[in-house]
């Protein structure tokens, strides 16, 4: 009994000593509670190069609050804890977003979105905020900026002289040091001690959003010189950034199939049967398939049934099927890879004995010869949803009811990504990622596997600070209302992933931020 008393007394003395002169201080900002350290890196002058992700673009626009929540700004706030300097951002003038010109909102650079109910609707949906941006497209900023994220920029653009001119990109033109400079020059001229580089998404994304139409926005080739090919351009960027032994972090690129912009719409079930006839219940919770809906679908099926019969006779029965009155239906699309059966359709219509089909014979052959319905493997991007059901331009004499995009008139090839185009995009992404990883390894840079992170968001989800983030549109918390760019919480997650890579490579010990303190969606009023 005496021995036990003495042992307890020793513990008490030790406890008192530890809480006086030898108290252990736990740093809440580090991964292990020890004092924060920059490791072998110098964060005193940080620059971030990239595209809209680096800029903090969200909800289909660039605006002030979004810029504050950009992943580079979150990273910079952590760097400041170990001596990081000021991180200047070329702020937009307000939280409306986009640009104005002459007091009018620029149609090419629209306002941001919020989630709310439009008048007469029972459902929340992405809506545009009211107002006109006070950021005039011709206004210029002075000074140097650490955040060099340029919405719309491709890898090749960062090394393109004149990208900051009036003929280039207005997001860069407003703060470029001169019209003839490059984004890369404006970065290295600041003598940074550390950099982040996440670029290349737009080199395939523009093509994807154009539905695989290279005449609208081609994929950047891997080969070619600086400013032409991805490989040479990316390696030139990294070469200049690491000059003098500078350290940094780079990230690879995700597949577009992990973005809700391309996965939210089910190609087999696009249009619900209660939406075919406008009778007031389309935006109500008490929706029913009305007599008008059924009658409209049956009228459409008169044409689709004929087309299906003709195509089936030529071994193409899988192209078009009649619509259902009970379940959601696919939409019509033009597929340029299909064999053209226009002549056969025209001939069958002329010989049908049906006055309507005879009158429309030439139109039907010219319009539906390379048409099919969307199906598994196709990707219909969210922006196409605003096109479905709108009016197409029809030749004289063709009934207006036959001109509804996706319903009675085929969507253009640019509205849908078909499997071969998706493979093309994936192959280009894979090639870019090899170049990015090789550059990181050759220069000892920290590396963020953004491809794996986005893949995990689109499958199992990622748990951070007891919150689960997924790529599910709106409710998944990781993405904003444009289906491409992260939400504030998504940007916080990305910043933490960058910090993890920096810790691993340079021996720093940043804990990162609590993603739960970042909102999921921006409200209407900011």
Protein backbone atom coordinates (compact mmCIF):
# COMPACT_ATOMS: atom_id res chain seq x y z
CA UNK A 1 0.00 0.00 0.00
CA UNK A 2 2.87 2.37 0.78
CA UNK A 3 4.47 1.76 -2.65
CA UNK A 4 1.24 2.65 -4.46
CA UNK A 5 0.91 5.92 -2.56
CA UNK A 6 4.47 6.93 -3.45
CA UNK A 7 3.86 6.13 -7.16
CA UNK A 8 0.71 8.27 -7.23
CA UNK A 9 2.56 11.12 -5.60
CA UNK A 10 5.26 10.94 -8.29
CA UNK A 11 2.66 11.15 -11.06
CA UNK A 12 1.06 14.19 -9.44
CA UNK A 13 4.43 15.95 -9.20
CA UNK A 14 5.19 15.16 -12.82
CA UNK A 15 1.82 16.51 -13.91
CA UNK A 16 2.38 19.76 -12.07
CA UNK A 17 5.81 20.15 -13.60
CA UNK A 18 4.52 19.57 -17.11
CA UNK A 19 1.89 22.25 -16.66
CA UNK A 20 4.27 24.90 -15.41
CA UNK A 21 7.67 25.59 -16.88
CA UNK A 22 7.69 22.59 -19.26
CA UNK A 23 4.17 22.96 -20.65
CA UNK A 24 3.80 21.40 -24.11
CA UNK A 25 2.16 23.81 -26.56
CA UNK A 26 -0.07 22.16 -29.18
CA UNK A 27 -0.41 24.04 -32.47
CA UNK A 28 -3.98 23.60 -33.76
CA UNK A 29 -2.92 24.55 -37.30
CA UNK A 30 -0.42 21.74 -37.82
CA UNK A 31 -1.01 18.13 -38.74
CA UNK A 32 0.65 16.74 -35.60
CA UNK A 33 0.26 19.51 -33.03
CA UNK A 34 3.91 20.52 -33.26
CA UNK A 35 4.78 24.10 -34.24
CA UNK A 36 3.99 24.96 -37.84
CA UNK A 37 6.92 24.83 -40.24
CA UNK A 38 7.41 25.64 -43.89
CA UNK A 39 9.83 22.75 -44.16
CA UNK A 40 12.29 23.30 -46.99
CA UNK A 41 9.97 25.64 -48.87
CA UNK A 42 9.88 29.43 -48.87
CA UNK A 43 6.33 30.78 -49.09
CA UNK A 44 7.18 34.46 -48.75
CA UNK A 45 6.14 35.21 -52.36
CA UNK A 46 3.50 32.89 -53.77
CA UNK A 47 1.99 33.05 -57.26
CA UNK A 48 -0.79 30.83 -58.61
CA UNK A 49 -1.12 30.13 -62.32
CA UNK A 50 -4.15 28.44 -63.81
CA UNK A 51 -7.58 28.85 -65.29
CA UNK A 52 -11.04 29.49 -63.85
CA UNK A 53 -10.46 27.00 -61.02
CA UNK A 54 -7.52 29.05 -59.76
CA UNK A 55 -9.52 32.26 -60.19
CA UNK A 56 -12.34 31.01 -57.96
CA UNK A 57 -14.95 30.92 -60.70
CA UNK A 58 -18.21 29.47 -59.40
CA UNK A 59 -21.90 29.34 -60.31
CA UNK A 60 -21.14 30.25 -63.92
CA UNK A 61 -19.37 33.52 -63.14
CA UNK A 62 -16.39 35.22 -61.58
CA UNK A 63 -17.33 37.46 -58.66
CA UNK A 64 -15.70 38.88 -55.57
CA UNK A 65 -16.85 36.40 -52.94
CA UNK A 66 -15.95 33.49 -55.18
CA UNK A 67 -12.45 34.91 -55.65
CA UNK A 68 -12.01 35.10 -51.88
CA UNK A 69 -12.81 31.38 -51.68
CA UNK A 70 -10.48 30.34 -54.50
CA UNK A 71 -8.17 27.48 -53.60
CA UNK A 72 -5.02 29.65 -54.09
CA UNK A 73 -6.36 32.24 -51.65
CA UNK A 74 -7.11 29.52 -49.10
CA UNK A 75 -3.60 28.13 -49.60
CA UNK A 76 -2.13 31.62 -49.21
CA UNK A 77 -3.96 32.04 -45.89
CA UNK A 78 -2.12 28.94 -44.64
CA UNK A 79 1.21 30.12 -46.01
CA UNK A 80 0.74 33.35 -44.06
CA UNK A 81 0.98 31.32 -40.84
CA UNK A 82 4.63 30.53 -41.63
CA UNK A 83 5.75 33.85 -43.06
CA UNK A 84 3.90 33.96 -46.36
CA UNK A 85 3.49 37.45 -47.76
CA UNK A 86 0.56 39.29 -49.26
CA UNK A 87 -1.43 37.49 -51.93
CA UNK A 88 -3.06 40.05 -54.20
CA UNK A 89 -6.20 39.16 -56.15
CA UNK A 90 -7.56 41.05 -59.19
CA UNK A 91 -11.00 41.37 -57.67
CA UNK A 92 -14.11 41.88 -59.75
CA UNK A 93 -16.09 44.93 -58.66
CA UNK A 94 -19.07 43.13 -57.11
CA UNK A 95 -20.86 39.84 -56.47
CA UNK A 96 -23.10 39.97 -59.53
CA UNK A 97 -20.46 38.47 -61.76
CA UNK A 98 -19.37 38.75 -65.35
CA UNK A 99 -18.70 41.94 -67.29
CA UNK A 100 -20.78 44.88 -68.39
CA UNK A 101 -20.24 47.20 -71.34
CA UNK A 102 -21.85 50.58 -71.59
CA UNK A 103 -24.04 49.81 -68.60
CA UNK A 104 -25.39 46.59 -70.12
CA UNK A 105 -24.51 43.06 -69.06
CA UNK A 106 -22.26 41.33 -71.58
CA UNK A 107 -24.06 38.28 -72.99
CA UNK A 108 -20.76 36.42 -73.26
CA UNK A 109 -19.96 36.99 -69.57
CA UNK A 110 -23.19 36.55 -67.67
CA UNK A 111 -24.17 37.01 -64.05
CA UNK A 112 -23.82 34.30 -61.44
CA UNK A 113 -26.44 31.70 -60.56
CA UNK A 114 -28.25 30.99 -57.29
CA UNK A 115 -30.62 28.20 -56.26
CA UNK A 116 -34.20 29.35 -55.87
CA UNK A 117 -37.79 29.20 -57.10
CA UNK A 118 -38.91 31.11 -60.12
CA UNK A 119 -42.36 32.68 -60.00
CA UNK A 120 -45.11 30.07 -60.09
CA UNK A 121 -42.79 27.13 -59.48
CA UNK A 122 -42.74 24.66 -56.61
CA UNK A 123 -39.15 23.66 -57.29
CA UNK A 124 -35.77 25.20 -56.64
CA UNK A 125 -33.51 25.47 -59.65
CA UNK A 126 -30.48 27.48 -60.83
CA UNK A 127 -31.56 31.06 -61.54
CA UNK A 128 -29.67 34.20 -62.54
CA UNK A 129 -29.19 36.93 -59.95
CA UNK A 130 -30.69 40.32 -60.68
CA UNK A 131 -28.66 43.30 -61.74
CA UNK A 132 -25.85 44.31 -64.04
CA UNK A 133 -22.20 43.81 -63.22
CA UNK A 134 -20.33 46.96 -62.26
CA UNK A 135 -17.12 45.42 -63.65
CA UNK A 136 -16.83 47.15 -67.00
CA UNK A 137 -15.06 45.02 -69.58
CA UNK A 138 -12.84 47.94 -70.54
CA UNK A 139 -11.73 48.79 -66.98
CA UNK A 140 -8.08 48.17 -66.07
CA UNK A 141 -6.35 47.44 -62.78
CA UNK A 142 -2.85 48.45 -61.79
CA UNK A 143 -0.24 46.60 -59.78
CA UNK A 144 0.95 43.01 -59.60
CA UNK A 145 -1.25 40.08 -58.63
CA UNK A 146 -0.42 36.75 -57.06
CA UNK A 147 -3.55 35.06 -58.36
CA UNK A 148 -2.99 34.58 -62.07
CA UNK A 149 -5.95 32.28 -62.60
CA UNK A 150 -7.57 33.26 -65.90
CA UNK A 151 -11.07 31.92 -66.68
CA UNK A 152 -11.10 30.33 -70.11
CA UNK A 153 -7.33 29.99 -70.35
CA UNK A 154 -5.78 26.94 -71.95
CA UNK A 155 -2.22 25.83 -71.27
CA UNK A 156 -1.08 27.35 -74.56
CA UNK A 157 -2.57 30.71 -73.59
CA UNK A 158 -0.26 31.17 -70.59
CA UNK A 159 2.66 31.56 -73.00
CA UNK A 160 0.83 33.50 -75.72
CA UNK A 161 1.90 37.16 -76.12
CA UNK A 162 -1.08 39.48 -76.46
CA UNK A 163 -3.39 37.30 -74.39
CA UNK A 164 -3.81 40.34 -72.16
CA UNK A 165 -4.73 42.67 -75.01
CA UNK A 166 -8.19 43.77 -76.11
CA UNK A 167 -8.08 40.91 -78.63
CA UNK A 168 -7.23 38.34 -75.97
CA UNK A 169 -8.98 37.42 -72.74
CA UNK A 170 -10.72 40.26 -70.84
CA UNK A 171 -10.14 38.51 -67.50
CA UNK A 172 -6.38 38.83 -68.07
CA UNK A 173 -6.52 42.10 -70.02
CA UNK A 174 -7.92 43.93 -67.00
CA UNK A 175 -4.78 43.34 -64.90
CA UNK A 176 -2.00 42.36 -67.33
CA UNK A 177 1.13 44.50 -66.93
CA UNK A 178 1.00 45.27 -70.67
CA UNK A 179 -1.10 44.21 -73.66
CA UNK A 180 1.83 42.27 -75.11
CA UNK A 181 2.85 40.36 -72.01
CA UNK A 182 2.12 36.72 -71.18
CA UNK A 183 0.62 35.24 -68.04
CA UNK A 184 3.90 33.42 -67.45
CA UNK A 185 5.94 36.61 -67.76
CA UNK A 186 3.71 38.41 -65.28
CA UNK A 187 4.25 35.54 -62.86
CA UNK A 188 8.04 35.21 -63.05
CA UNK A 189 8.56 38.99 -63.11
CA UNK A 190 7.42 39.01 -59.48
CA UNK A 191 10.37 36.79 -58.46
CA UNK A 192 8.16 34.26 -56.69
CA UNK A 193 9.58 31.88 -54.11
CA UNK A 194 6.77 29.36 -54.55
CA UNK A 195 4.16 28.64 -57.20
CA UNK A 196 1.12 26.49 -57.92
CA UNK A 197 0.18 25.43 -61.43
CA UNK A 198 -3.09 23.74 -62.37
CA UNK A 199 -3.72 24.20 -66.08
CA UNK A 200 -4.97 22.15 -69.01
CA UNK A 201 -8.63 21.58 -68.25
CA UNK A 202 -9.82 24.01 -70.91
CA UNK A 203 -7.60 22.36 -73.50
CA UNK A 204 -10.25 19.62 -73.68
CA UNK A 205 -13.23 21.22 -71.91
CA UNK A 206 -13.94 23.70 -74.69
CA UNK A 207 -14.18 20.84 -77.17
CA UNK A 208 -16.41 18.89 -74.78
CA UNK A 209 -18.80 21.80 -74.26
CA UNK A 210 -18.94 22.23 -78.04
CA UNK A 211 -20.20 18.66 -78.28
CA UNK A 212 -17.03 17.50 -79.97
CA UNK A 213 -17.22 20.13 -82.72
CA UNK A 214 -13.58 21.02 -83.43
CA UNK A 215 -14.62 23.92 -85.66
CA UNK A 216 -16.00 25.64 -82.56
CA UNK A 217 -13.25 24.74 -80.07
CA UNK A 218 -10.58 22.16 -80.91
CA UNK A 219 -8.61 19.98 -78.51
CA UNK A 220 -5.10 21.30 -77.99
CA UNK A 221 -2.69 18.85 -79.61
CA UNK A 222 0.04 17.37 -77.45
CA UNK A 223 2.63 18.02 -80.14
CA UNK A 224 3.63 21.38 -81.56
CA UNK A 225 5.75 24.30 -80.49
CA UNK A 226 5.35 26.64 -77.55
CA UNK A 227 1.95 28.28 -77.78
CA UNK A 228 0.69 25.54 -80.11
CA UNK A 229 1.17 22.16 -78.45
CA UNK A 230 0.39 21.24 -74.86
CA UNK A 231 3.67 19.45 -74.10
CA UNK A 232 6.03 22.19 -75.24
CA UNK A 233 3.90 24.90 -73.64
CA UNK A 234 3.59 23.14 -70.29
CA UNK A 235 7.28 22.30 -70.12
CA UNK A 236 8.18 25.90 -70.93
CA UNK A 237 5.94 27.15 -68.13
CA UNK A 238 7.49 24.78 -65.59
CA UNK A 239 11.02 25.47 -66.84
CA UNK A 240 10.68 29.19 -66.21
CA UNK A 241 8.88 28.78 -62.90
CA UNK A 242 11.57 26.51 -61.39
CA UNK A 243 14.45 28.72 -62.52
CA UNK A 244 16.77 29.44 -59.61
CA UNK A 245 15.54 26.42 -57.66
CA UNK A 246 12.06 27.72 -57.02
CA UNK A 247 9.67 25.19 -55.52
CA UNK A 248 6.04 24.59 -56.35
CA UNK A 249 3.07 22.29 -56.68
CA UNK A 250 1.31 21.09 -59.84
CA UNK A 251 -1.87 19.12 -60.41
CA UNK A 252 -3.04 16.81 -63.15
CA UNK A 253 -6.43 16.82 -64.87
CA UNK A 254 -9.68 14.91 -64.22
CA UNK A 255 -11.83 13.22 -66.83
CA UNK A 256 -14.85 15.25 -67.87
CA UNK A 257 -16.97 12.22 -66.92
CA UNK A 258 -16.41 13.13 -63.26
CA UNK A 259 -18.06 16.54 -63.70
CA UNK A 260 -21.82 16.87 -63.07
CA UNK A 261 -22.08 19.13 -66.12
CA UNK A 262 -21.76 15.97 -68.22
CA UNK A 263 -23.31 13.30 -65.99
CA UNK A 264 -26.41 14.83 -64.41
CA UNK A 265 -28.74 14.24 -67.36
CA UNK A 266 -29.61 10.60 -68.03
CA UNK A 267 -29.52 10.19 -71.84
CA UNK A 268 -32.18 7.47 -71.65
CA UNK A 269 -34.61 9.58 -69.62
CA UNK A 270 -34.37 13.25 -70.52
CA UNK A 271 -37.95 14.45 -70.93
CA UNK A 272 -40.70 13.45 -68.48
CA UNK A 273 -44.06 12.58 -70.11
CA UNK A 274 -45.89 15.38 -68.27
CA UNK A 275 -43.75 17.99 -70.05
CA UNK A 276 -44.96 17.38 -73.61
CA UNK A 277 -48.03 19.55 -73.33
CA UNK A 278 -48.00 22.89 -71.52
CA UNK A 279 -50.93 22.75 -69.13
CA UNK A 280 -49.47 24.49 -66.06
CA UNK A 281 -48.25 21.55 -64.01
CA UNK A 282 -44.70 21.37 -65.38
CA UNK A 283 -43.28 23.22 -62.37
CA UNK A 284 -45.68 21.88 -59.75
CA UNK A 285 -45.38 19.02 -57.29
CA UNK A 286 -48.86 17.80 -58.29
CA UNK A 287 -47.78 16.86 -61.81
CA UNK A 288 -49.78 14.40 -63.89
CA UNK A 289 -49.59 13.02 -67.41
CA UNK A 290 -52.61 14.81 -68.80
CA UNK A 291 -54.80 14.07 -71.78
CA UNK A 292 -52.91 16.82 -73.58
CA UNK A 293 -49.56 15.18 -72.82
CA UNK A 294 -50.75 11.80 -74.12
CA UNK A 295 -52.26 13.34 -77.25
CA UNK A 296 -49.04 15.23 -77.99
CA UNK A 297 -46.89 12.12 -77.48
CA UNK A 298 -49.20 10.09 -79.76
CA UNK A 299 -48.92 12.76 -82.45
CA UNK A 300 -45.14 12.69 -82.21
CA UNK A 301 -45.21 8.89 -82.31
CA UNK A 302 -46.98 9.06 -85.65
CA UNK A 303 -43.76 10.45 -87.14
CA UNK A 304 -41.34 8.48 -84.97
CA UNK A 305 -43.19 5.23 -85.63
CA UNK A 306 -42.87 5.75 -89.38
CA UNK A 307 -39.15 6.53 -89.07
CA UNK A 308 -38.62 3.48 -86.87
CA UNK A 309 -40.42 1.27 -89.40
CA UNK A 310 -38.25 2.50 -92.28
CA UNK A 311 -34.97 2.25 -90.37
CA UNK A 312 -35.85 -1.19 -89.02
CA UNK A 313 -36.36 -2.39 -92.59
CA UNK A 314 -32.76 -1.43 -93.27
CA UNK A 315 -31.38 -3.02 -90.12
CA UNK A 316 -31.29 0.22 -88.12
CA UNK A 317 -34.11 -0.48 -85.70
CA UNK A 318 -32.19 0.71 -82.65
CA UNK A 319 -31.98 4.30 -83.84
CA UNK A 320 -35.48 5.56 -83.06
CA UNK A 321 -38.30 4.19 -80.90
CA UNK A 322 -41.75 5.57 -80.12
CA UNK A 323 -42.11 7.61 -76.94
CA UNK A 324 -43.53 6.35 -73.66
CA UNK A 325 -46.49 8.00 -71.94
CA UNK A 326 -45.49 6.66 -68.53
CA UNK A 327 -41.69 7.03 -68.23
CA UNK A 328 -39.15 9.67 -69.21
CA UNK A 329 -37.93 9.54 -72.80
CA UNK A 330 -34.64 10.11 -74.62
CA UNK A 331 -34.24 12.96 -77.10
CA UNK A 332 -33.47 13.06 -80.80
CA UNK A 333 -29.95 13.94 -81.92
CA UNK A 334 -27.97 14.12 -85.12
CA UNK A 335 -25.03 11.71 -85.17
CA UNK A 336 -22.61 12.46 -88.00
CA UNK A 337 -21.00 9.04 -87.59
CA UNK A 338 -24.17 7.26 -88.71
CA UNK A 339 -24.81 6.08 -92.25
CA UNK A 340 -27.24 8.40 -94.03
CA UNK A 341 -30.61 6.82 -94.76
CA UNK A 342 -32.21 10.06 -95.89
CA UNK A 343 -32.95 8.80 -99.41
CA UNK A 344 -34.63 5.69 -98.06
CA UNK A 345 -36.79 7.73 -95.67
CA UNK A 346 -37.84 10.09 -98.46
CA UNK A 347 -38.70 7.18 -100.76
CA UNK A 348 -40.73 5.42 -98.07
CA UNK A 349 -42.68 8.60 -97.31
CA UNK A 350 -43.51 9.16 -100.97
CA UNK A 351 -44.81 5.61 -101.26
CA UNK A 352 -46.71 5.58 -97.97
CA UNK A 353 -50.03 6.82 -99.31
CA UNK A 354 -50.21 9.15 -96.29
CA UNK A 355 -50.81 12.74 -97.46
CA UNK A 356 -48.90 14.24 -94.51
CA UNK A 357 -45.86 11.99 -95.01
CA UNK A 358 -45.90 12.59 -98.76
CA UNK A 359 -45.94 16.36 -98.21
CA UNK A 360 -43.05 16.08 -95.74
CA UNK A 361 -41.07 13.44 -97.64
CA UNK A 362 -38.12 15.63 -98.67
CA UNK A 363 -37.96 17.29 -95.24
CA UNK A 364 -38.04 13.97 -93.38
CA UNK A 365 -35.25 12.49 -95.50
CA UNK A 366 -33.04 15.56 -95.21
CA UNK A 367 -33.62 15.92 -91.46
CA UNK A 368 -33.66 12.36 -90.11
CA UNK A 369 -31.24 10.45 -92.31
CA UNK A 370 -28.48 10.52 -89.65
CA UNK A 371 -30.63 10.86 -86.54
CA UNK A 372 -31.03 8.63 -83.50
CA UNK A 373 -32.24 8.93 -79.94
CA UNK A 374 -29.76 9.45 -77.14
CA UNK A 375 -28.73 6.37 -75.23
CA UNK A 376 -26.28 4.96 -72.68
CA UNK A 377 -22.78 6.15 -73.50
CA UNK A 378 -23.85 9.61 -74.67
CA UNK A 379 -23.21 12.66 -72.52
CA UNK A 380 -25.75 15.48 -72.60
CA UNK A 381 -24.28 18.52 -70.90
CA UNK A 382 -26.35 20.67 -68.62
CA UNK A 383 -26.21 23.65 -70.97
CA UNK A 384 -28.13 21.58 -73.53
CA UNK A 385 -31.11 21.41 -71.17
CA UNK A 386 -31.84 25.04 -72.03
CA UNK A 387 -32.05 24.08 -75.72
CA UNK A 388 -34.36 21.06 -75.45
CA UNK A 389 -37.91 22.04 -76.39
CA UNK A 390 -36.96 25.36 -77.97
CA UNK A 391 -37.89 26.18 -81.57
CA UNK A 392 -35.66 25.27 -84.49
CA UNK A 393 -35.76 27.12 -87.81
CA UNK A 394 -37.93 25.09 -90.19
CA UNK A 395 -38.38 25.23 -93.96
CA UNK A 396 -41.60 26.80 -95.26
CA UNK A 397 -44.57 24.47 -95.09
CA UNK A 398 -43.30 22.33 -92.22
CA UNK A 399 -45.62 22.46 -89.15
CA UNK A 400 -44.15 24.35 -86.20
CA UNK A 401 -44.82 21.37 -83.91
CA UNK A 402 -42.09 19.46 -85.78
CA UNK A 403 -39.48 22.05 -84.81
CA UNK A 404 -38.99 21.37 -81.10
CA UNK A 405 -35.32 20.66 -80.43
CA UNK A 406 -34.79 17.16 -79.09
CA UNK A 407 -38.51 16.38 -79.15
CA UNK A 408 -39.53 16.49 -82.81
CA UNK A 409 -36.36 17.99 -84.25
CA UNK A 410 -32.88 16.55 -83.66
CA UNK A 411 -30.38 18.25 -81.42
CA UNK A 412 -27.27 19.25 -83.31
CA UNK A 413 -24.13 17.17 -82.93
CA UNK A 414 -22.64 19.98 -80.79
CA UNK A 415 -25.34 19.48 -78.17
CA UNK A 416 -24.33 15.92 -77.26
CA UNK A 417 -21.05 14.08 -76.77
CA UNK A 418 -21.01 10.66 -78.39
CA UNK A 419 -18.77 7.77 -77.22
CA UNK A 420 -16.04 8.28 -79.83
CA UNK A 421 -15.71 11.94 -78.85
CA UNK A 422 -15.55 11.01 -75.17
CA UNK A 423 -12.70 8.58 -75.92
CA UNK A 424 -10.91 11.31 -77.86
CA UNK A 425 -11.17 13.65 -74.88
CA UNK A 426 -10.03 10.97 -72.43
CA UNK A 427 -7.02 10.11 -74.59
CA UNK A 428 -5.97 13.75 -74.76
CA UNK A 429 -6.39 14.08 -70.99
CA UNK A 430 -4.23 11.00 -70.42
CA UNK A 431 -1.51 12.42 -72.67
CA UNK A 432 -1.55 15.77 -70.85
CA UNK A 433 -1.34 14.00 -67.50
CA UNK A 434 1.78 12.10 -68.53
CA UNK A 435 3.44 15.40 -69.40
CA UNK A 436 2.36 16.98 -66.11
CA UNK A 437 3.60 14.06 -63.99
CA UNK A 438 6.91 13.88 -65.86
CA UNK A 439 7.48 17.60 -65.29
CA UNK A 440 6.69 17.23 -61.59
CA UNK A 441 9.05 14.28 -61.16
CA UNK A 442 11.87 15.84 -63.18
CA UNK A 443 11.81 19.00 -61.10
CA UNK A 444 11.02 17.58 -57.66
CA UNK A 445 7.70 19.38 -57.46
CA UNK A 446 4.77 18.52 -55.22
CA UNK A 447 2.08 16.70 -57.18
CA UNK A 448 -1.69 16.65 -56.68
CA UNK A 449 -3.55 13.75 -58.29
CA UNK A 450 -6.68 15.76 -59.10
CA UNK A 451 -7.82 13.03 -61.48
CA UNK A 452 -8.02 10.53 -58.60
CA UNK A 453 -9.67 13.08 -56.30
CA UNK A 454 -12.41 13.89 -58.82
CA UNK A 455 -12.88 10.20 -59.53
CA UNK A 456 -13.41 9.54 -55.84
CA UNK A 457 -15.91 12.41 -55.59
CA UNK A 458 -17.90 10.84 -58.42
CA UNK A 459 -17.93 7.35 -56.89
CA UNK A 460 -17.56 6.84 -53.14
CA UNK A 461 -17.33 10.49 -52.15
CA UNK A 462 -14.75 12.06 -49.84
CA UNK A 463 -15.22 12.57 -46.10
CA UNK A 464 -13.55 15.68 -44.72
CA UNK A 465 -14.12 17.18 -41.26
CA UNK A 466 -17.09 14.82 -40.85
CA UNK A 467 -18.72 16.10 -44.04
CA UNK A 468 -19.18 13.90 -47.10
CA UNK A 469 -18.60 15.57 -50.46
CA UNK A 470 -19.65 14.03 -53.79
CA UNK A 471 -20.01 15.18 -57.37
CA UNK A 472 -23.81 14.87 -57.26
CA UNK A 473 -25.25 18.02 -58.80
CA UNK A 474 -26.44 20.56 -56.18
CA UNK A 475 -26.70 18.16 -53.24
CA UNK A 476 -23.18 16.71 -53.35
CA UNK A 477 -21.63 19.88 -51.85
CA UNK A 478 -18.48 19.72 -54.00
CA UNK A 479 -19.64 21.51 -57.15
CA UNK A 480 -21.34 24.80 -57.88
CA UNK A 481 -24.46 25.33 -59.97
CA UNK A 482 -22.60 25.38 -63.28
CA UNK A 483 -21.69 21.72 -62.84
CA UNK A 484 -18.01 22.31 -63.64
CA UNK A 485 -16.51 24.56 -61.02
CA UNK A 486 -16.29 23.76 -57.31
CA UNK A 487 -18.49 25.19 -54.59
CA UNK A 488 -16.82 27.12 -51.74
CA UNK A 489 -16.61 23.85 -49.80
CA UNK A 490 -15.23 22.11 -52.88
CA UNK A 491 -12.50 24.73 -53.23
CA UNK A 492 -11.61 24.26 -49.56
CA UNK A 493 -11.24 20.52 -50.16
CA UNK A 494 -8.98 21.19 -53.15
CA UNK A 495 -6.84 23.62 -51.14
CA UNK A 496 -6.36 20.97 -48.46
CA UNK A 497 -5.30 18.42 -51.08
CA UNK A 498 -2.70 20.86 -52.40
CA UNK A 499 -1.44 21.43 -48.85
CA UNK A 500 -1.15 17.66 -48.28
CA UNK A 501 1.04 17.35 -51.37
CA UNK A 502 3.16 20.28 -50.24
CA UNK A 503 3.60 18.71 -46.80
CA UNK A 504 4.68 15.41 -48.31
CA UNK A 505 7.25 16.93 -50.66
CA UNK A 506 8.71 19.77 -48.64
CA UNK A 507 8.28 18.68 -45.03
CA UNK A 508 5.78 21.34 -44.00
CA UNK A 509 2.94 20.36 -41.68
CA UNK A 510 -0.13 22.37 -42.63
CA UNK A 511 -3.34 20.96 -41.20
CA UNK A 512 -5.46 22.83 -43.71
CA UNK A 513 -8.85 24.41 -43.24
CA UNK A 514 -12.09 22.98 -41.89
CA UNK A 515 -14.22 22.46 -45.00
CA UNK A 516 -17.34 22.59 -42.83
CA UNK A 517 -16.82 26.32 -42.32
CA UNK A 518 -17.27 26.92 -46.06
CA UNK A 519 -20.76 27.17 -47.48
CA UNK A 520 -22.10 24.77 -50.10
CA UNK A 521 -23.97 27.30 -52.24
CA UNK A 522 -23.90 31.08 -52.45
CA UNK A 523 -27.25 32.71 -51.65
CA UNK A 524 -29.08 35.10 -53.94
CA UNK A 525 -27.89 38.12 -51.99
CA UNK A 526 -24.25 38.53 -51.05
